[in-house]
Amino acid sequence: MTRIEIRAHAGVFAENKDTARDLRLNKIIPALEKKEEVILNFTGVDATTQSFIHALISDLLRKYGSDVLDRIEFKSCNDTVKKIITIVVDYMQEGTD
């Protein structure tokens, strides 16, 4: 299992798309390729942008399909962060139908 502390990489306002891309390429994808589960821990993250979440997970949904969400846990998300994640996931799933 791979645990990623989003605040440690992105701060209390997760907005940097390059940071999200780096996490995806260097931590999330290698873990998924090893058949590990991934915990994205949002403890201490007050808000995020849609572009951050898009850069973090959209390529995963394209590459692995929506089943990849069974292997990724979004932990300790406040309502604001949950809403953004839901928007991105719903948008990506519409595009794959």
Protein backbone atom coordinates (compact mmCIF):
# COMPACT_ATOMS: atom_id res chain seq x y z
CA MET A 1 0.00 0.00 0.00
CA THR A 2 1.24 3.47 -0.87
CA ARG A 3 0.17 6.41 1.28
CA ILE A 4 0.59 9.92 -0.10
CA GLU A 5 0.24 12.92 2.20
CA ILE A 6 -1.15 15.58 -0.13
CA ARG A 7 -0.51 18.46 2.29
CA ALA A 8 3.20 17.57 2.52
CA HIS A 9 3.49 18.00 -1.25
CA ALA A 10 0.85 20.61 -2.07
CA GLY A 11 0.17 22.58 1.11
CA VAL A 12 -3.18 23.56 2.60
CA PHE A 13 -4.44 24.79 -0.78
CA ALA A 14 -3.61 22.13 -3.37
CA GLU A 15 -3.43 23.99 -6.66
CA ASN A 16 -0.10 23.30 -8.40
CA LYS A 17 -0.78 21.08 -11.42
CA ASP A 18 2.92 20.25 -11.77
CA THR A 19 2.96 18.89 -8.22
CA ALA A 20 -0.12 16.79 -8.98
CA ARG A 21 1.45 15.49 -12.20
CA ASP A 22 4.66 14.58 -10.37
CA LEU A 23 2.70 12.69 -7.70
CA ARG A 24 0.79 10.84 -10.40
CA LEU A 25 3.88 9.90 -12.41
CA ASN A 26 6.33 9.20 -9.59
CA LYS A 27 4.15 7.74 -6.85
CA ILE A 28 0.63 6.78 -7.93
CA ILE A 29 1.31 5.04 -11.25
CA PRO A 30 4.30 3.02 -9.95
CA ALA A 31 2.17 1.82 -7.02
CA LEU A 32 -0.73 0.86 -9.30
CA GLU A 33 1.65 -0.94 -11.65
CA LYS A 34 2.79 -3.02 -8.64
CA LYS A 35 -0.90 -3.79 -7.95
CA GLU A 36 -0.79 -1.79 -4.72
CA GLU A 37 -3.62 0.23 -3.30
CA VAL A 38 -3.06 3.98 -2.99
CA ILE A 39 -4.23 6.22 -0.17
CA LEU A 40 -4.38 9.90 -1.04
CA ASN A 41 -4.54 11.52 2.39
CA PHE A 42 -5.98 15.03 2.33
CA THR A 43 -5.58 15.70 6.07
CA GLY A 44 -4.86 19.39 6.54
CA VAL A 45 -5.80 20.33 2.97
CA ASP A 46 -8.46 23.03 3.20
CA ALA A 47 -9.20 23.30 -0.52
CA THR A 48 -8.02 22.22 -3.93
CA THR A 49 -8.56 23.28 -7.50
CA GLN A 50 -10.28 21.26 -10.14
CA SER A 51 -7.10 21.45 -12.24
CA PHE A 52 -5.03 19.92 -9.39
CA ILE A 53 -7.39 16.94 -9.02
CA HIS A 54 -7.64 16.61 -12.80
CA ALA A 55 -3.84 16.46 -13.09
CA LEU A 56 -3.73 14.00 -10.20
CA ILE A 57 -6.26 11.42 -11.39
CA SER A 58 -7.67 12.03 -14.88
CA ASP A 59 -4.85 10.20 -16.66
CA LEU A 60 -5.35 7.26 -14.30
CA LEU A 61 -9.00 7.01 -15.30
CA ARG A 62 -8.05 7.15 -18.98
CA LYS A 63 -5.29 4.58 -18.60
CA TYR A 64 -6.90 2.10 -16.19
CA GLY A 65 -10.62 2.85 -16.51
CA SER A 66 -13.01 3.68 -13.70
CA ASP A 67 -12.11 0.42 -11.92
CA VAL A 68 -8.92 2.15 -10.76
CA LEU A 69 -11.07 4.04 -8.25
CA ASP A 70 -11.47 0.74 -6.37
CA ARG A 71 -7.72 0.86 -5.70
CA ILE A 72 -7.49 4.53 -4.69
CA GLU A 73 -8.76 5.83 -1.37
CA PHE A 74 -9.38 9.54 -0.92
CA LYS A 75 -8.89 9.92 2.83
CA SER A 76 -9.78 12.77 5.20
CA CYS A 77 -11.34 14.98 2.54
CA ASN A 78 -13.45 17.88 3.74
CA ASP A 79 -16.67 18.69 1.85
CA THR A 80 -14.94 21.18 -0.44
CA VAL A 81 -12.30 18.67 -1.53
CA LYS A 82 -14.89 15.88 -1.89
CA LYS A 83 -16.97 18.06 -4.19
CA ILE A 84 -14.00 18.82 -6.48
CA ILE A 85 -12.99 15.14 -6.64
CA THR A 86 -16.58 14.19 -7.51
CA ILE A 87 -16.74 16.81 -10.27
CA VAL A 88 -13.52 15.53 -11.87
CA VAL A 89 -14.45 11.84 -11.57
CA ASP A 90 -17.92 12.45 -13.01
CA TYR A 91 -16.49 14.49 -15.87
CA MET A 92 -13.92 11.82 -16.70
CA GLN A 93 -16.49 9.02 -16.56
CA GLU A 94 -18.75 10.94 -18.96
CA GLY A 95 -15.83 11.11 -21.38
CA THR A 96 -15.22 7.36 -21.28
CA ASP A 97 -18.79 6.27 -22.00
